Amino acid sequence: MTEKTTKKGTTEEENTDENVIYIGKKPPMSYVLAVITQFNQNGSSGVILKARGRSISTAVDTAEIVRNRFMKDVKIQDIKIGTESVTNEEGRSSNVSSIEIDLINNKKKDR
């Protein structure tokens, strides 16, 4: 899931799997711990939460818990919503909603 783009003369920050957290069926506090660990141990200035379907509410809860309870300097930089077409084992395709929440740590950005 890593896409690298290079342009002559410019350097862009790339979204690698290191700063992406995929939200699933675990409780939100599990993902909160992952976000905090990502910011503190890996020194990253941004984390992206990705979720599909029923996990979207868990992703929103995770972002809000991180912002309001644990890391007051973390802000939501961008939210992307979309629809993905998923094919099941029987061959039927269905549309599933998706969300990407881009969190940024303002304190680390200022340094």
N, C-alpha and C. Protein backbone atom coordinates (compact mmCIF):
# COMPACT_ATOMS: atom_id res chain seq x y z
N MET A 1 0.81 -1.19 0.00
CA MET A 1 0.00 0.00 0.00
C MET A 1 0.86 1.26 0.00
N THR A 2 2.11 1.14 -0.37
CA THR A 2 2.98 2.30 -0.40
C THR A 2 3.11 2.78 -1.83
N GLU A 3 2.87 4.04 -2.01
CA GLU A 3 3.00 4.63 -3.33
C GLU A 3 4.04 5.73 -3.25
N LYS A 4 5.05 5.63 -4.05
CA LYS A 4 6.10 6.63 -4.02
C LYS A 4 6.01 7.50 -5.26
N THR A 5 6.05 8.79 -5.03
CA THR A 5 6.06 9.74 -6.12
C THR A 5 7.24 10.67 -5.92
N THR A 6 7.98 10.86 -6.98
CA THR A 6 9.12 11.77 -6.90
C THR A 6 8.99 12.81 -8.00
N LYS A 7 9.25 14.03 -7.63
CA LYS A 7 9.26 15.13 -8.58
C LYS A 7 10.62 15.79 -8.51
N LYS A 8 11.09 16.27 -9.63
CA LYS A 8 12.39 16.93 -9.65
C LYS A 8 12.34 18.23 -8.87
N GLY A 9 13.30 18.38 -7.98
CA GLY A 9 13.45 19.64 -7.26
C GLY A 9 12.57 19.80 -6.03
N THR A 10 11.61 18.90 -5.82
CA THR A 10 10.75 19.03 -4.64
C THR A 10 10.78 17.73 -3.84
N THR A 11 10.62 17.89 -2.56
CA THR A 11 10.54 16.72 -1.68
C THR A 11 9.18 16.73 -1.01
N GLU A 12 8.43 15.65 -1.16
CA GLU A 12 7.12 15.54 -0.55
C GLU A 12 7.14 14.47 0.52
N GLU A 13 6.40 14.72 1.61
CA GLU A 13 6.27 13.71 2.65
C GLU A 13 5.33 12.63 2.13
N GLU A 14 5.78 11.37 2.18
CA GLU A 14 5.01 10.28 1.64
C GLU A 14 4.25 9.56 2.74
N ASN A 15 3.08 9.03 2.40
CA ASN A 15 2.32 8.23 3.34
C ASN A 15 2.77 6.79 3.21
N THR A 16 3.52 6.32 4.19
CA THR A 16 3.94 4.93 4.19
C THR A 16 3.09 4.18 5.19
N ASP A 17 3.24 2.87 5.21
CA ASP A 17 2.47 2.06 6.15
C ASP A 17 2.89 2.32 7.58
N GLU A 18 4.03 2.98 7.78
CA GLU A 18 4.49 3.27 9.14
C GLU A 18 3.54 4.22 9.87
N ASN A 19 3.04 5.21 9.19
CA ASN A 19 2.19 6.19 9.87
C ASN A 19 0.70 5.99 9.58
N VAL A 20 0.33 4.80 9.14
CA VAL A 20 -1.07 4.48 8.88
C VAL A 20 -1.52 3.42 9.88
N ILE A 21 -2.67 3.67 10.51
CA ILE A 21 -3.25 2.70 11.43
C ILE A 21 -4.59 2.28 10.85
N TYR A 22 -4.73 0.97 10.61
CA TYR A 22 -5.97 0.44 10.06
C TYR A 22 -6.89 0.05 11.22
N ILE A 23 -8.08 0.61 11.23
CA ILE A 23 -9.04 0.39 12.31
C ILE A 23 -9.89 -0.83 11.98
N GLY A 24 -10.06 -1.70 12.98
CA GLY A 24 -10.85 -2.92 12.80
C GLY A 24 -11.87 -3.08 13.90
N LYS A 25 -11.95 -4.29 14.46
CA LYS A 25 -13.00 -4.62 15.41
C LYS A 25 -12.59 -4.49 16.87
N LYS A 26 -11.36 -4.11 17.14
CA LYS A 26 -10.91 -3.95 18.52
C LYS A 26 -11.57 -2.72 19.15
N PRO A 27 -11.53 -2.62 20.48
CA PRO A 27 -12.07 -1.41 21.13
C PRO A 27 -11.22 -0.18 20.80
N PRO A 28 -11.81 1.00 20.86
CA PRO A 28 -11.09 2.22 20.48
C PRO A 28 -9.80 2.46 21.26
N MET A 29 -9.76 2.08 22.54
CA MET A 29 -8.57 2.34 23.35
C MET A 29 -7.34 1.60 22.83
N SER A 30 -7.52 0.48 22.16
CA SER A 30 -6.40 -0.23 21.55
C SER A 30 -5.75 0.62 20.46
N TYR A 31 -6.58 1.29 19.69
CA TYR A 31 -6.07 2.14 18.61
C TYR A 31 -5.53 3.45 19.15
N VAL A 32 -6.10 3.94 20.26
CA VAL A 32 -5.57 5.14 20.91
C VAL A 32 -4.13 4.90 21.34
N LEU A 33 -3.88 3.74 21.93
CA LEU A 33 -2.53 3.38 22.34
C LEU A 33 -1.59 3.33 21.14
N ALA A 34 -2.06 2.79 20.03
CA ALA A 34 -1.25 2.72 18.82
C ALA A 34 -0.91 4.11 18.29
N VAL A 35 -1.88 5.03 18.33
CA VAL A 35 -1.65 6.40 17.85
C VAL A 35 -0.63 7.10 18.74
N ILE A 36 -0.82 6.99 20.05
CA ILE A 36 0.10 7.65 20.98
C ILE A 36 1.51 7.09 20.83
N THR A 37 1.61 5.77 20.68
CA THR A 37 2.91 5.14 20.46
C THR A 37 3.55 5.64 19.17
N GLN A 38 2.76 5.78 18.14
CA GLN A 38 3.27 6.26 16.85
C GLN A 38 3.83 7.68 16.99
N PHE A 39 3.12 8.53 17.68
CA PHE A 39 3.60 9.91 17.86
C PHE A 39 4.84 9.96 18.74
N ASN A 40 4.87 9.21 19.84
CA ASN A 40 5.94 9.34 20.82
C ASN A 40 7.20 8.55 20.46
N GLN A 41 7.07 7.28 20.12
CA GLN A 41 8.25 6.45 19.89
C GLN A 41 8.86 6.66 18.51
N ASN A 42 8.04 6.76 17.52
CA ASN A 42 8.56 6.86 16.15
C ASN A 42 8.83 8.30 15.74
N GLY A 43 8.44 9.25 16.57
CA GLY A 43 8.72 10.65 16.28
C GLY A 43 8.00 11.19 15.06
N SER A 44 6.93 10.54 14.68
CA SER A 44 6.23 11.00 13.49
C SER A 44 5.36 12.21 13.82
N SER A 45 5.22 13.12 12.88
CA SER A 45 4.42 14.32 13.11
C SER A 45 2.98 14.13 12.66
N GLY A 46 2.70 13.01 11.99
CA GLY A 46 1.35 12.76 11.52
C GLY A 46 1.01 11.28 11.52
N VAL A 47 -0.25 10.98 11.77
CA VAL A 47 -0.76 9.61 11.76
C VAL A 47 -2.07 9.61 10.99
N ILE A 48 -2.28 8.59 10.17
CA ILE A 48 -3.51 8.47 9.40
C ILE A 48 -4.28 7.27 9.91
N LEU A 49 -5.55 7.50 10.26
CA LEU A 49 -6.45 6.42 10.66
C LEU A 49 -7.30 6.06 9.45
N LYS A 50 -7.33 4.78 9.09
CA LYS A 50 -8.13 4.32 7.96
C LYS A 50 -9.14 3.29 8.44
N ALA A 51 -10.39 3.43 7.99
CA ALA A 51 -11.44 2.49 8.38
C ALA A 51 -12.46 2.35 7.27
N ARG A 52 -13.15 1.20 7.29
CA ARG A 52 -14.23 0.95 6.33
C ARG A 52 -15.45 0.42 7.07
N GLY A 53 -16.61 0.71 6.53
CA GLY A 53 -17.84 0.13 7.03
C GLY A 53 -18.15 0.47 8.47
N ARG A 54 -18.44 -0.58 9.26
CA ARG A 54 -18.83 -0.39 10.66
C ARG A 54 -17.69 0.12 11.53
N SER A 55 -16.47 0.04 11.06
CA SER A 55 -15.32 0.50 11.84
C SER A 55 -15.13 2.01 11.78
N ILE A 56 -15.91 2.70 10.97
CA ILE A 56 -15.77 4.15 10.84
C ILE A 56 -16.03 4.83 12.18
N SER A 57 -17.04 4.39 12.91
CA SER A 57 -17.33 5.02 14.19
C SER A 57 -16.20 4.80 15.19
N THR A 58 -15.53 3.65 15.13
CA THR A 58 -14.38 3.39 16.00
C THR A 58 -13.23 4.32 15.65
N ALA A 59 -13.04 4.60 14.36
CA ALA A 59 -11.98 5.52 13.94
C ALA A 59 -12.25 6.93 14.44
N VAL A 60 -13.49 7.37 14.37
CA VAL A 60 -13.86 8.70 14.85
C VAL A 60 -13.67 8.77 16.36
N ASP A 61 -14.12 7.73 17.07
CA ASP A 61 -13.93 7.68 18.52
C ASP A 61 -12.46 7.74 18.89
N THR A 62 -11.63 7.01 18.18
CA THR A 62 -10.19 6.99 18.43
C THR A 62 -9.59 8.38 18.26
N ALA A 63 -9.92 9.05 17.17
CA ALA A 63 -9.39 10.39 16.92
C ALA A 63 -9.82 11.36 18.01
N GLU A 64 -11.07 11.29 18.43
CA GLU A 64 -11.58 12.21 19.45
C GLU A 64 -10.97 11.92 20.82
N ILE A 65 -10.78 10.67 21.17
CA ILE A 65 -10.16 10.32 22.45
C ILE A 65 -8.72 10.82 22.49
N VAL A 66 -7.99 10.63 21.40
CA VAL A 66 -6.60 11.10 21.35
C VAL A 66 -6.56 12.61 21.50
N ARG A 67 -7.40 13.32 20.76
CA ARG A 67 -7.40 14.79 20.78
C ARG A 67 -7.84 15.37 22.11
N ASN A 68 -8.87 14.81 22.71
CA ASN A 68 -9.47 15.44 23.87
C ASN A 68 -8.92 14.97 25.21
N ARG A 69 -8.43 13.74 25.29
CA ARG A 69 -7.99 13.21 26.57
C ARG A 69 -6.48 13.11 26.73
N PHE A 70 -5.78 12.68 25.70
CA PHE A 70 -4.38 12.32 25.87
C PHE A 70 -3.39 13.32 25.28
N MET A 71 -3.62 13.78 24.08
CA MET A 71 -2.68 14.67 23.41
C MET A 71 -3.44 15.90 22.92
N LYS A 72 -3.45 16.94 23.74
CA LYS A 72 -4.23 18.15 23.42
C LYS A 72 -3.68 18.91 22.22
N ASP A 73 -2.40 18.69 21.88
CA ASP A 73 -1.79 19.41 20.76
C ASP A 73 -2.01 18.72 19.41
N VAL A 74 -2.66 17.58 19.40
CA VAL A 74 -2.96 16.88 18.15
C VAL A 74 -4.22 17.48 17.53
N LYS A 75 -4.14 17.78 16.25
CA LYS A 75 -5.27 18.37 15.51
C LYS A 75 -5.62 17.47 14.33
N ILE A 76 -6.84 17.60 13.85
CA ILE A 76 -7.25 16.90 12.64
C ILE A 76 -6.88 17.78 11.45
N GLN A 77 -6.00 17.27 10.62
CA GLN A 77 -5.55 18.04 9.46
C GLN A 77 -6.51 17.87 8.29
N ASP A 78 -6.97 16.62 8.06
CA ASP A 78 -7.80 16.36 6.90
C ASP A 78 -8.66 15.13 7.15
N ILE A 79 -9.84 15.11 6.58
CA ILE A 79 -10.71 13.94 6.61
C ILE A 79 -11.14 13.65 5.18
N LYS A 80 -10.92 12.41 4.75
CA LYS A 80 -11.32 12.00 3.41
C LYS A 80 -12.35 10.89 3.55
N ILE A 81 -13.45 11.02 2.84
CA ILE A 81 -14.47 9.97 2.83
C ILE A 81 -14.64 9.47 1.42
N GLY A 82 -15.07 8.22 1.30
CA GLY A 82 -15.25 7.66 -0.03
C GLY A 82 -16.03 6.36 0.02
N THR A 83 -16.16 5.74 -1.12
CA THR A 83 -16.83 4.47 -1.26
C THR A 83 -15.93 3.52 -2.03
N GLU A 84 -15.79 2.31 -1.51
CA GLU A 84 -14.98 1.29 -2.17
C GLU A 84 -15.90 0.15 -2.59
N SER A 85 -15.64 -0.41 -3.74
CA SER A 85 -16.40 -1.56 -4.22
C SER A 85 -15.66 -2.82 -3.79
N VAL A 86 -16.33 -3.67 -3.02
CA VAL A 86 -15.73 -4.88 -2.49
C VAL A 86 -16.46 -6.09 -3.05
N THR A 87 -15.70 -7.08 -3.53
CA THR A 87 -16.28 -8.31 -4.06
C THR A 87 -16.15 -9.41 -3.02
N ASN A 88 -17.24 -10.06 -2.68
CA ASN A 88 -17.18 -11.13 -1.68
C ASN A 88 -16.81 -12.45 -2.32
N GLU A 89 -16.79 -13.51 -1.52
CA GLU A 89 -16.36 -14.83 -2.01
C GLU A 89 -17.30 -15.40 -3.06
N GLU A 90 -18.56 -14.99 -3.02
CA GLU A 90 -19.54 -15.50 -3.97
C GLU A 90 -19.51 -14.75 -5.30
N GLY A 91 -18.72 -13.72 -5.38
CA GLY A 91 -18.60 -12.96 -6.62
C GLY A 91 -19.48 -11.73 -6.69
N ARG A 92 -20.29 -11.49 -5.67
CA ARG A 92 -21.14 -10.30 -5.66
C ARG A 92 -20.32 -9.11 -5.18
N SER A 93 -20.56 -7.97 -5.78
CA SER A 93 -19.85 -6.78 -5.34
C SER A 93 -20.81 -5.86 -4.59
N SER A 94 -20.28 -5.22 -3.56
CA SER A 94 -21.08 -4.28 -2.78
C SER A 94 -20.23 -3.06 -2.48
N ASN A 95 -20.89 -1.95 -2.23
CA ASN A 95 -20.21 -0.71 -1.92
C ASN A 95 -20.05 -0.57 -0.41
N VAL A 96 -18.85 -0.19 0.00
CA VAL A 96 -18.54 -0.02 1.42
C VAL A 96 -17.97 1.38 1.61
N SER A 97 -18.49 2.11 2.59
CA SER A 97 -17.99 3.45 2.88
C SER A 97 -16.61 3.36 3.53
N SER A 98 -15.78 4.37 3.29
CA SER A 98 -14.44 4.40 3.88
C SER A 98 -14.13 5.81 4.37
N ILE A 99 -13.19 5.88 5.31
CA ILE A 99 -12.78 7.18 5.87
C ILE A 99 -11.28 7.14 6.15
N GLU A 100 -10.65 8.27 5.96
CA GLU A 100 -9.25 8.49 6.35
C GLU A 100 -9.20 9.75 7.19
N ILE A 101 -8.70 9.63 8.41
CA ILE A 101 -8.58 10.78 9.30
C ILE A 101 -7.10 11.05 9.49
N ASP A 102 -6.65 12.22 9.07
CA ASP A 102 -5.25 12.60 9.14
C ASP A 102 -5.01 13.45 10.38
N LEU A 103 -4.30 12.88 11.35
CA LEU A 103 -3.99 13.59 12.59
C LEU A 103 -2.58 14.15 12.51
N ILE A 104 -2.38 15.36 13.01
CA ILE A 104 -1.07 15.99 12.99
C ILE A 104 -0.77 16.53 14.38
N ASN A 105 0.49 16.39 14.78
CA ASN A 105 0.93 16.86 16.09
C ASN A 105 1.57 18.23 15.90
N ASN A 106 0.86 19.28 16.31
CA ASN A 106 1.33 20.66 16.11
C ASN A 106 2.61 20.95 16.88
N LYS A 107 2.79 20.34 18.02
CA LYS A 107 3.98 20.59 18.83
C LYS A 107 5.24 20.14 18.11
N LYS A 108 5.19 18.96 17.46
CA LYS A 108 6.36 18.44 16.76
C LYS A 108 6.61 19.19 15.46
N LYS A 109 5.55 19.74 14.88
CA LYS A 109 5.69 20.48 13.62
C LYS A 109 6.44 21.79 13.84
N ASP A 110 6.26 22.41 15.02
CA ASP A 110 6.89 23.70 15.30
C ASP A 110 8.39 23.59 15.53
N ARG A 111 8.85 22.40 15.90
CA ARG A 111 10.28 22.24 16.21
C ARG A 111 11.16 22.33 15.03
